[in-house]
Amino acid sequence: MKVEEKLLRNFYRINQTPHIELARELCLSCELKPCTRICPAGLYSLNDKGEVTVEYSGCLECGSCSVVCPKGAIKWSYPRGGYGVQYRFG
């Protein structure tokens, strides 16, 4: 089974309070924007204004985005208990 097929089996219980926050001003000063390339779920993208946006609801909770951010603009934490991704490999 391919990785993509396994990821489609995941279940997400979405909390209305995001567990990922972006410091917009710091993001704007970042030239490389590595978060748009490192996220395995592809949650980070650039909008028409060149600003980074994130869709936290599909987060795989790996934390790669906060590690790779050279500006420290990503505040990442695990979702509140009972929320987030539930892996279902099979």
C-alpha atoms as a PDB file:
ATOM      1  CA  MET A   1       0.000   0.000   0.000  1.00  0.00           C
ATOM      2  CA  LYS A   2       1.337   3.429  -0.959  1.00  0.00           C
ATOM      3  CA  VAL A   3       1.827   6.209   1.582  1.00  0.00           C
ATOM      4  CA  GLU A   4      -0.878   8.302  -0.086  1.00  0.00           C
ATOM      5  CA  GLU A   5      -3.383   5.471   0.336  1.00  0.00           C
ATOM      6  CA  LYS A   6      -2.493   5.119   4.011  1.00  0.00           C
ATOM      7  CA  LEU A   7      -2.914   8.857   4.598  1.00  0.00           C
ATOM      8  CA  LEU A   8      -6.418   8.727   3.124  1.00  0.00           C
ATOM      9  CA  ARG A   9      -7.391   6.296   5.901  1.00  0.00           C
ATOM     10  CA  ASN A  10      -6.593   8.804   8.648  1.00  0.00           C
ATOM     11  CA  PHE A  11      -9.428  10.290  10.642  1.00  0.00           C
ATOM     12  CA  TYR A  12      -9.318  13.877  11.926  1.00  0.00           C
ATOM     13  CA  ARG A  13     -11.279  15.215  14.855  1.00  0.00           C
ATOM     14  CA  ILE A  14     -11.041  18.959  14.301  1.00  0.00           C
ATOM     15  CA  ASN A  15     -10.832  21.405  17.190  1.00  0.00           C
ATOM     16  CA  GLN A  16     -12.235  24.848  16.413  1.00  0.00           C
ATOM     17  CA  THR A  17      -9.163  26.412  18.077  1.00  0.00           C
ATOM     18  CA  PRO A  18      -6.123  26.128  15.770  1.00  0.00           C
ATOM     19  CA  HIS A  19      -3.022  24.455  17.172  1.00  0.00           C
ATOM     20  CA  ILE A  20      -0.862  26.228  14.581  1.00  0.00           C
ATOM     21  CA  GLU A  21      -0.421  29.999  14.610  1.00  0.00           C
ATOM     22  CA  LEU A  22       1.577  32.141  12.189  1.00  0.00           C
ATOM     23  CA  ALA A  23       3.277  35.427  13.037  1.00  0.00           C
ATOM     24  CA  ARG A  24       2.314  37.195   9.796  1.00  0.00           C
ATOM     25  CA  GLU A  25       4.969  39.926   9.942  1.00  0.00           C
ATOM     26  CA  LEU A  26       7.760  37.393  10.447  1.00  0.00           C
ATOM     27  CA  CYS A  27       6.392  35.228   7.618  1.00  0.00           C
ATOM     28  CA  LEU A  28       6.444  38.182   5.245  1.00  0.00           C
ATOM     29  CA  SER A  29      10.121  38.788   5.997  1.00  0.00           C
ATOM     30  CA  CYS A  30      11.021  35.174   5.168  1.00  0.00           C
ATOM     31  CA  GLU A  31      12.334  34.744   1.642  1.00  0.00           C
ATOM     32  CA  LEU A  32      12.604  30.947   1.471  1.00  0.00           C
ATOM     33  CA  LYS A  33       9.294  29.989   3.106  1.00  0.00           C
ATOM     34  CA  PRO A  34      10.421  26.385   3.712  1.00  0.00           C
ATOM     35  CA  CYS A  35       7.146  25.544   5.472  1.00  0.00           C
ATOM     36  CA  THR A  36       5.459  25.500   2.066  1.00  0.00           C
ATOM     37  CA  ARG A  37       7.745  22.633   1.011  1.00  0.00           C
ATOM     38  CA  ILE A  38       8.430  20.630   4.192  1.00  0.00           C
ATOM     39  CA  CYS A  39       4.888  19.866   5.360  1.00  0.00           C
ATOM     40  CA  PRO A  40       4.102  16.241   4.413  1.00  0.00           C
ATOM     41  CA  ALA A  41       0.371  17.039   4.355  1.00  0.00           C
ATOM     42  CA  GLY A  42       0.848  20.101   2.132  1.00  0.00           C
ATOM     43  CA  LEU A  43      -0.999  22.403   4.522  1.00  0.00           C
ATOM     44  CA  TYR A  44       1.083  25.522   3.861  1.00  0.00           C
ATOM     45  CA  SER A  45       0.627  27.585   0.724  1.00  0.00           C
ATOM     46  CA  LEU A  46       1.074  31.105  -0.605  1.00  0.00           C
ATOM     47  CA  ASN A  47      -1.949  33.246  -1.347  1.00  0.00           C
ATOM     48  CA  ASP A  48      -2.208  35.825  -4.155  1.00  0.00           C
ATOM     49  CA  LYS A  49      -0.418  38.399  -1.988  1.00  0.00           C
ATOM     50  CA  GLY A  50       2.536  36.081  -1.333  1.00  0.00           C
ATOM     51  CA  GLU A  51       1.472  35.475   2.273  1.00  0.00           C
ATOM     52  CA  VAL A  52       1.774  32.055   3.858  1.00  0.00           C
ATOM     53  CA  THR A  53      -1.514  30.437   4.799  1.00  0.00           C
ATOM     54  CA  VAL A  54      -2.074  27.211   6.722  1.00  0.00           C
ATOM     55  CA  GLU A  55      -5.010  24.806   6.915  1.00  0.00           C
ATOM     56  CA  TYR A  56      -4.449  23.244  10.327  1.00  0.00           C
ATOM     57  CA  SER A  57      -7.287  20.717  10.109  1.00  0.00           C
ATOM     58  CA  GLY A  58      -5.262  18.194   8.069  1.00  0.00           C
ATOM     59  CA  CYS A  59      -2.140  18.360  10.250  1.00  0.00           C
ATOM     60  CA  LEU A  60      -0.250  15.090  10.726  1.00  0.00           C
ATOM     61  CA  GLU A  61       1.250  16.499  13.963  1.00  0.00           C
ATOM     62  CA  CYS A  62       4.884  15.970  12.994  1.00  0.00           C
ATOM     63  CA  GLY A  63       6.029  19.495  13.952  1.00  0.00           C
ATOM     64  CA  SER A  64       8.338  19.801  10.937  1.00  0.00           C
ATOM     65  CA  CYS A  65       6.988  23.243  10.109  1.00  0.00           C
ATOM     66  CA  SER A  66       8.096  24.782  13.399  1.00  0.00           C
ATOM     67  CA  VAL A  67      11.515  23.136  13.214  1.00  0.00           C
ATOM     68  CA  VAL A  68      12.280  24.333   9.681  1.00  0.00           C
ATOM     69  CA  CYS A  69      11.006  27.919  10.095  1.00  0.00           C
ATOM     70  CA  PRO A  70      14.101  30.199  10.068  1.00  0.00           C
ATOM     71  CA  LYS A  71      12.177  33.151  11.536  1.00  0.00           C
ATOM     72  CA  GLY A  72      10.454  31.339  14.399  1.00  0.00           C
ATOM     73  CA  ALA A  73       7.133  32.500  12.965  1.00  0.00           C
ATOM     74  CA  ILE A  74       5.253  29.235  13.464  1.00  0.00           C
ATOM     75  CA  LYS A  75       3.827  28.496  16.886  1.00  0.00           C
ATOM     76  CA  TRP A  76       2.949  24.802  16.808  1.00  0.00           C
ATOM     77  CA  SER A  77       1.592  22.568  19.560  1.00  0.00           C
ATOM     78  CA  TYR A  78      -0.320  19.321  19.728  1.00  0.00           C
ATOM     79  CA  PRO A  79      -4.096  19.710  19.484  1.00  0.00           C
ATOM     80  CA  ARG A  80      -6.120  19.590  22.675  1.00  0.00           C
ATOM     81  CA  GLY A  81      -6.653  16.064  24.026  1.00  0.00           C
ATOM     82  CA  GLY A  82      -9.028  13.974  21.938  1.00  0.00           C
ATOM     83  CA  TYR A  83      -8.551  16.139  18.845  1.00  0.00           C
ATOM     84  CA  GLY A  84      -6.277  15.940  15.833  1.00  0.00           C
ATOM     85  CA  VAL A  85      -5.252  13.061  13.629  1.00  0.00           C
ATOM     86  CA  GLN A  86      -6.068   9.446  14.399  1.00  0.00           C
ATOM     87  CA  TYR A  87      -3.900   7.163  12.298  1.00  0.00           C
ATOM     88  CA  ARG A  88      -5.583   4.132  10.741  1.00  0.00           C
ATOM     89  CA  PHE A  89      -3.013   2.037   8.915  1.00  0.00           C
ATOM     90  CA  GLY A  90      -4.112  -1.176   7.401  1.00  0.00           C
END
